[in-house]
């Protein structure tokens, strides 16, 4: 896994133009069963993939925190939402709450999340490859294939399965 993980940015860069063309076609003519195909590909990949061996998403990017996330996590810490925000978050250029620093404050040395049961929605849904109307988030997926080996593998399998 370590070797695959180290080669991921290079492999993603090599496939970027091809993926961009594929996703442009996908947005124009999504197959009727795309959501089902993506769910199957996602499920199959995560039968093989153990996120705890990687955790690159937590090491290199930070999630957006919705107001509901802030409320839930603050309650978990028995803090007021404003205290949680002051301690852990900042407002980014899009006016969203994000972590003050990366890697994620809540990621342990063992790649376990200390707030897993109350983690942000963005973390629960990452890498977003099983989302409904997948064709609407292809720009996000293009970024995620360079971060997540599972997302990379899902997109490669998707290109084999869906022919234009």
C-alpha atoms as a PDB file:
ATOM      1  CA  UNK A   1       0.000   0.000   0.000  1.00  0.00           C
ATOM      2  CA  UNK A   2       2.834   2.396   0.861  1.00  0.00           C
ATOM      3  CA  UNK A   3       4.349   2.148  -2.635  1.00  0.00           C
ATOM      4  CA  UNK A   4       0.940   2.641  -4.265  1.00  0.00           C
ATOM      5  CA  UNK A   5       0.307   5.613  -2.003  1.00  0.00           C
ATOM      6  CA  UNK A   6       3.662   7.241  -2.888  1.00  0.00           C
ATOM      7  CA  UNK A   7       3.031   6.836  -6.630  1.00  0.00           C
ATOM      8  CA  UNK A   8      -0.545   8.144  -6.491  1.00  0.00           C
ATOM      9  CA  UNK A   9       0.109  11.854  -7.247  1.00  0.00           C
ATOM     10  CA  UNK A  10       2.215  10.931 -10.297  1.00  0.00           C
ATOM     11  CA  UNK A  11      -0.330   8.383 -11.546  1.00  0.00           C
ATOM     12  CA  UNK A  12      -3.188  10.851 -11.021  1.00  0.00           C
ATOM     13  CA  UNK A  13      -1.321  13.552 -12.922  1.00  0.00           C
ATOM     14  CA  UNK A  14      -0.675  11.160 -15.827  1.00  0.00           C
ATOM     15  CA  UNK A  15      -4.385  10.283 -15.991  1.00  0.00           C
ATOM     16  CA  UNK A  16      -5.687  13.834 -15.410  1.00  0.00           C
ATOM     17  CA  UNK A  17      -6.319  14.814 -19.048  1.00  0.00           C
ATOM     18  CA  UNK A  18      -7.900  11.431 -19.827  1.00  0.00           C
ATOM     19  CA  UNK A  19     -10.119  11.666 -16.729  1.00  0.00           C
ATOM     20  CA  UNK A  20     -11.115  15.228 -17.582  1.00  0.00           C
ATOM     21  CA  UNK A  21     -12.232  14.171 -21.084  1.00  0.00           C
ATOM     22  CA  UNK A  22     -14.103  11.171 -19.682  1.00  0.00           C
ATOM     23  CA  UNK A  23     -15.907  13.294 -17.078  1.00  0.00           C
ATOM     24  CA  UNK A  24     -16.849  15.911 -19.699  1.00  0.00           C
ATOM     25  CA  UNK A  25     -18.597  13.163 -21.684  1.00  0.00           C
ATOM     26  CA  UNK A  26     -20.150  11.802 -18.502  1.00  0.00           C
ATOM     27  CA  UNK A  27     -21.653  15.189 -17.622  1.00  0.00           C
ATOM     28  CA  UNK A  28     -23.158  15.508 -21.116  1.00  0.00           C
ATOM     29  CA  UNK A  29     -24.559  11.968 -21.319  1.00  0.00           C
ATOM     30  CA  UNK A  30     -24.687  10.219 -17.951  1.00  0.00           C
ATOM     31  CA  UNK A  31     -25.871   6.604 -18.196  1.00  0.00           C
ATOM     32  CA  UNK A  32     -29.325   6.061 -16.695  1.00  0.00           C
ATOM     33  CA  UNK A  33     -27.901   3.570 -14.190  1.00  0.00           C
ATOM     34  CA  UNK A  34     -24.868   5.680 -13.202  1.00  0.00           C
ATOM     35  CA  UNK A  35     -25.800   5.899  -9.514  1.00  0.00           C
ATOM     36  CA  UNK A  36     -26.108   2.101  -9.313  1.00  0.00           C
ATOM     37  CA  UNK A  37     -22.846   1.553 -11.187  1.00  0.00           C
ATOM     38  CA  UNK A  38     -21.029   3.974  -8.889  1.00  0.00           C
ATOM     39  CA  UNK A  39     -22.500   2.369  -5.762  1.00  0.00           C
ATOM     40  CA  UNK A  40     -21.335  -1.069  -6.944  1.00  0.00           C
ATOM     41  CA  UNK A  41     -17.838   0.201  -7.820  1.00  0.00           C
ATOM     42  CA  UNK A  42     -17.596   2.039  -4.492  1.00  0.00           C
ATOM     43  CA  UNK A  43     -18.731  -1.003  -2.484  1.00  0.00           C
ATOM     44  CA  UNK A  44     -16.372  -3.358  -4.328  1.00  0.00           C
ATOM     45  CA  UNK A  45     -13.379  -1.051  -3.841  1.00  0.00           C
ATOM     46  CA  UNK A  46     -14.017  -0.577  -0.141  1.00  0.00           C
ATOM     47  CA  UNK A  47     -14.201  -4.347   0.328  1.00  0.00           C
ATOM     48  CA  UNK A  48     -10.518  -4.335  -0.698  1.00  0.00           C
ATOM     49  CA  UNK A  49      -9.395  -0.998   0.754  1.00  0.00           C
ATOM     50  CA  UNK A  50      -8.594  -0.300   4.388  1.00  0.00           C
ATOM     51  CA  UNK A  51      -8.545   3.462   4.908  1.00  0.00           C
ATOM     52  CA  UNK A  52      -6.526   3.043   8.104  1.00  0.00           C
ATOM     53  CA  UNK A  53      -3.485   1.995   6.054  1.00  0.00           C
ATOM     54  CA  UNK A  54      -3.530   5.357   4.280  1.00  0.00           C
ATOM     55  CA  UNK A  55      -5.507   8.220   5.894  1.00  0.00           C
ATOM     56  CA  UNK A  56      -4.066  10.546   3.252  1.00  0.00           C
ATOM     57  CA  UNK A  57      -7.329  12.489   3.157  1.00  0.00           C
ATOM     58  CA  UNK A  58      -6.859  13.393   6.832  1.00  0.00           C
ATOM     59  CA  UNK A  59      -3.155  14.079   6.394  1.00  0.00           C
ATOM     60  CA  UNK A  60      -3.351  16.362   3.358  1.00  0.00           C
ATOM     61  CA  UNK A  61      -6.775  18.006   3.245  1.00  0.00           C
ATOM     62  CA  UNK A  62      -9.285  19.378   5.675  1.00  0.00           C
ATOM     63  CA  UNK A  63     -13.038  18.931   5.511  1.00  0.00           C
ATOM     64  CA  UNK A  64     -15.660  21.626   5.456  1.00  0.00           C
ATOM     65  CA  UNK A  65     -17.594  21.823   8.710  1.00  0.00           C
ATOM     66  CA  UNK A  66     -21.311  22.525   8.390  1.00  0.00           C
ATOM     67  CA  UNK A  67     -23.167  24.259  11.206  1.00  0.00           C
ATOM     68  CA  UNK A  68     -24.664  20.864  12.092  1.00  0.00           C
ATOM     69  CA  UNK A  69     -21.132  19.396  12.267  1.00  0.00           C
ATOM     70  CA  UNK A  70     -19.994  22.206  14.567  1.00  0.00           C
ATOM     71  CA  UNK A  71     -23.001  21.730  16.862  1.00  0.00           C
ATOM     72  CA  UNK A  72     -22.582  17.938  17.032  1.00  0.00           C
ATOM     73  CA  UNK A  73     -18.822  17.951  17.610  1.00  0.00           C
ATOM     74  CA  UNK A  74     -18.990  20.799  20.141  1.00  0.00           C
ATOM     75  CA  UNK A  75     -21.611  18.827  22.070  1.00  0.00           C
ATOM     76  CA  UNK A  76     -19.322  15.773  21.967  1.00  0.00           C
ATOM     77  CA  UNK A  77     -16.555  17.868  23.573  1.00  0.00           C
ATOM     78  CA  UNK A  78     -19.060  19.475  25.959  1.00  0.00           C
ATOM     79  CA  UNK A  79     -18.208  22.899  24.605  1.00  0.00           C
ATOM     80  CA  UNK A  80     -20.177  25.721  23.141  1.00  0.00           C
ATOM     81  CA  UNK A  81     -20.033  25.835  19.339  1.00  0.00           C
ATOM     82  CA  UNK A  82     -18.207  29.174  19.546  1.00  0.00           C
ATOM     83  CA  UNK A  83     -15.535  27.596  21.769  1.00  0.00           C
ATOM     84  CA  UNK A  84     -15.082  24.709  19.339  1.00  0.00           C
ATOM     85  CA  UNK A  85     -14.797  27.135  16.422  1.00  0.00           C
ATOM     86  CA  UNK A  86     -12.261  29.326  18.231  1.00  0.00           C
ATOM     87  CA  UNK A  87     -10.109  26.346  19.153  1.00  0.00           C
ATOM     88  CA  UNK A  88     -10.117  24.289  15.955  1.00  0.00           C
ATOM     89  CA  UNK A  89     -11.578  26.147  12.967  1.00  0.00           C
ATOM     90  CA  UNK A  90     -11.103  29.131  10.728  1.00  0.00           C
ATOM     91  CA  UNK A  91     -13.198  30.662   7.970  1.00  0.00           C
ATOM     92  CA  UNK A  92     -11.758  30.119   4.485  1.00  0.00           C
ATOM     93  CA  UNK A  93     -11.995  32.253   1.344  1.00  0.00           C
ATOM     94  CA  UNK A  94     -15.389  30.698   0.491  1.00  0.00           C
ATOM     95  CA  UNK A  95     -16.689  31.638   3.943  1.00  0.00           C
ATOM     96  CA  UNK A  96     -16.749  27.983   5.064  1.00  0.00           C
ATOM     97  CA  UNK A  97     -15.505  26.585   8.354  1.00  0.00           C
ATOM     98  CA  UNK A  98     -12.337  24.522   7.873  1.00  0.00           C
ATOM     99  CA  UNK A  99      -9.618  23.228  10.166  1.00  0.00           C
ATOM    100  CA  UNK A 100      -6.994  25.719  11.286  1.00  0.00           C
ATOM    101  CA  UNK A 101      -4.282  23.251  10.349  1.00  0.00           C
ATOM    102  CA  UNK A 102      -3.609  20.078   8.393  1.00  0.00           C
ATOM    103  CA  UNK A 103      -3.048  17.221   9.104  1.00  0.00           C
ATOM    104  CA  UNK A 104      -6.331  16.924  10.926  1.00  0.00           C
ATOM    105  CA  UNK A 105      -6.088  17.653  14.631  1.00  0.00           C
ATOM    106  CA  UNK A 106      -8.272  14.641  15.342  1.00  0.00           C
ATOM    107  CA  UNK A 107      -6.103  12.110  13.466  1.00  0.00           C
ATOM    108  CA  UNK A 108      -4.042   9.845  15.703  1.00  0.00           C
ATOM    109  CA  UNK A 109      -0.626   8.346  14.954  1.00  0.00           C
ATOM    110  CA  UNK A 110      -2.428   5.051  14.311  1.00  0.00           C
ATOM    111  CA  UNK A 111      -4.580   6.724  11.594  1.00  0.00           C
ATOM    112  CA  UNK A 112      -7.687   6.479  13.783  1.00  0.00           C
ATOM    113  CA  UNK A 113      -9.989   9.467  14.117  1.00  0.00           C
ATOM    114  CA  UNK A 114     -10.583  10.548  17.705  1.00  0.00           C
ATOM    115  CA  UNK A 115     -14.019  11.946  16.781  1.00  0.00           C
ATOM    116  CA  UNK A 116     -15.009   9.195  14.331  1.00  0.00           C
ATOM    117  CA  UNK A 117     -18.521   8.736  15.734  1.00  0.00           C
ATOM    118  CA  UNK A 118     -19.283  12.468  15.298  1.00  0.00           C
ATOM    119  CA  UNK A 119     -16.959  13.316  12.389  1.00  0.00           C
ATOM    120  CA  UNK A 120     -18.002  15.943   9.835  1.00  0.00           C
ATOM    121  CA  UNK A 121     -20.341  15.004   7.009  1.00  0.00           C
ATOM    122  CA  UNK A 122     -17.539  15.651   4.497  1.00  0.00           C
ATOM    123  CA  UNK A 123     -15.411  13.000   6.236  1.00  0.00           C
ATOM    124  CA  UNK A 124     -18.263  10.479   6.396  1.00  0.00           C
ATOM    125  CA  UNK A 125     -18.892  10.862   2.666  1.00  0.00           C
ATOM    126  CA  UNK A 126     -15.278  10.980   1.420  1.00  0.00           C
ATOM    127  CA  UNK A 127     -14.263  10.197  -1.334  1.00  0.00           C
ATOM    128  CA  UNK A 128     -17.830  10.886  -2.516  1.00  0.00           C
ATOM    129  CA  UNK A 129     -17.732   8.097  -5.119  1.00  0.00           C
ATOM    130  CA  UNK A 130     -21.103   6.715  -4.044  1.00  0.00           C
ATOM    131  CA  UNK A 131     -22.972  10.014  -4.234  1.00  0.00           C
ATOM    132  CA  UNK A 132     -26.226  10.336  -6.112  1.00  0.00           C
ATOM    133  CA  UNK A 133     -25.924  12.276  -9.388  1.00  0.00           C
ATOM    134  CA  UNK A 134     -22.201  11.524  -9.440  1.00  0.00           C
ATOM    135  CA  UNK A 135     -21.788  13.391 -12.751  1.00  0.00           C
ATOM    136  CA  UNK A 136     -22.347  16.660 -10.857  1.00  0.00           C
ATOM    137  CA  UNK A 137     -19.214  16.280  -8.701  1.00  0.00           C
ATOM    138  CA  UNK A 138     -16.649  15.310 -11.309  1.00  0.00           C
ATOM    139  CA  UNK A 139     -14.419  18.315 -10.518  1.00  0.00           C
ATOM    140  CA  UNK A 140     -14.243  17.174  -6.897  1.00  0.00           C
ATOM    141  CA  UNK A 141     -13.513  13.620  -8.035  1.00  0.00           C
ATOM    142  CA  UNK A 142     -10.648  14.852 -10.226  1.00  0.00           C
ATOM    143  CA  UNK A 143      -9.058  16.296  -7.075  1.00  0.00           C
ATOM    144  CA  UNK A 144      -9.807  13.238  -4.954  1.00  0.00           C
ATOM    145  CA  UNK A 145      -8.095  10.742  -7.285  1.00  0.00           C
ATOM    146  CA  UNK A 146      -4.796  12.438  -6.436  1.00  0.00           C
ATOM    147  CA  UNK A 147      -5.490  12.081  -2.683  1.00  0.00           C
ATOM    148  CA  UNK A 148      -7.273   8.754  -2.324  1.00  0.00           C
ATOM    149  CA  UNK A 149      -6.058   5.446  -3.812  1.00  0.00           C
ATOM    150  CA  UNK A 150      -9.616   4.065  -3.585  1.00  0.00           C
ATOM    151  CA  UNK A 151     -11.025   6.992  -5.583  1.00  0.00           C
ATOM    152  CA  UNK A 152      -8.284   6.498  -8.182  1.00  0.00           C
ATOM    153  CA  UNK A 153      -9.134   2.800  -8.512  1.00  0.00           C
ATOM    154  CA  UNK A 154     -12.881   3.485  -8.697  1.00  0.00           C
ATOM    155  CA  UNK A 155     -12.415   5.999 -11.529  1.00  0.00           C
ATOM    156  CA  UNK A 156     -10.145   3.615 -13.446  1.00  0.00           C
ATOM    157  CA  UNK A 157     -12.718   0.811 -13.115  1.00  0.00           C
ATOM    158  CA  UNK A 158     -15.500   3.230 -14.019  1.00  0.00           C
ATOM    159  CA  UNK A 159     -13.738   4.100 -17.306  1.00  0.00           C
ATOM    160  CA  UNK A 160     -13.495   0.382 -18.131  1.00  0.00           C
ATOM    161  CA  UNK A 161     -17.174  -0.186 -17.323  1.00  0.00           C
ATOM    162  CA  UNK A 162     -18.701   2.890 -18.986  1.00  0.00           C
ATOM    163  CA  UNK A 163     -17.810   3.174 -22.648  1.00  0.00           C
ATOM    164  CA  UNK A 164     -18.557   6.209 -24.780  1.00  0.00           C
END
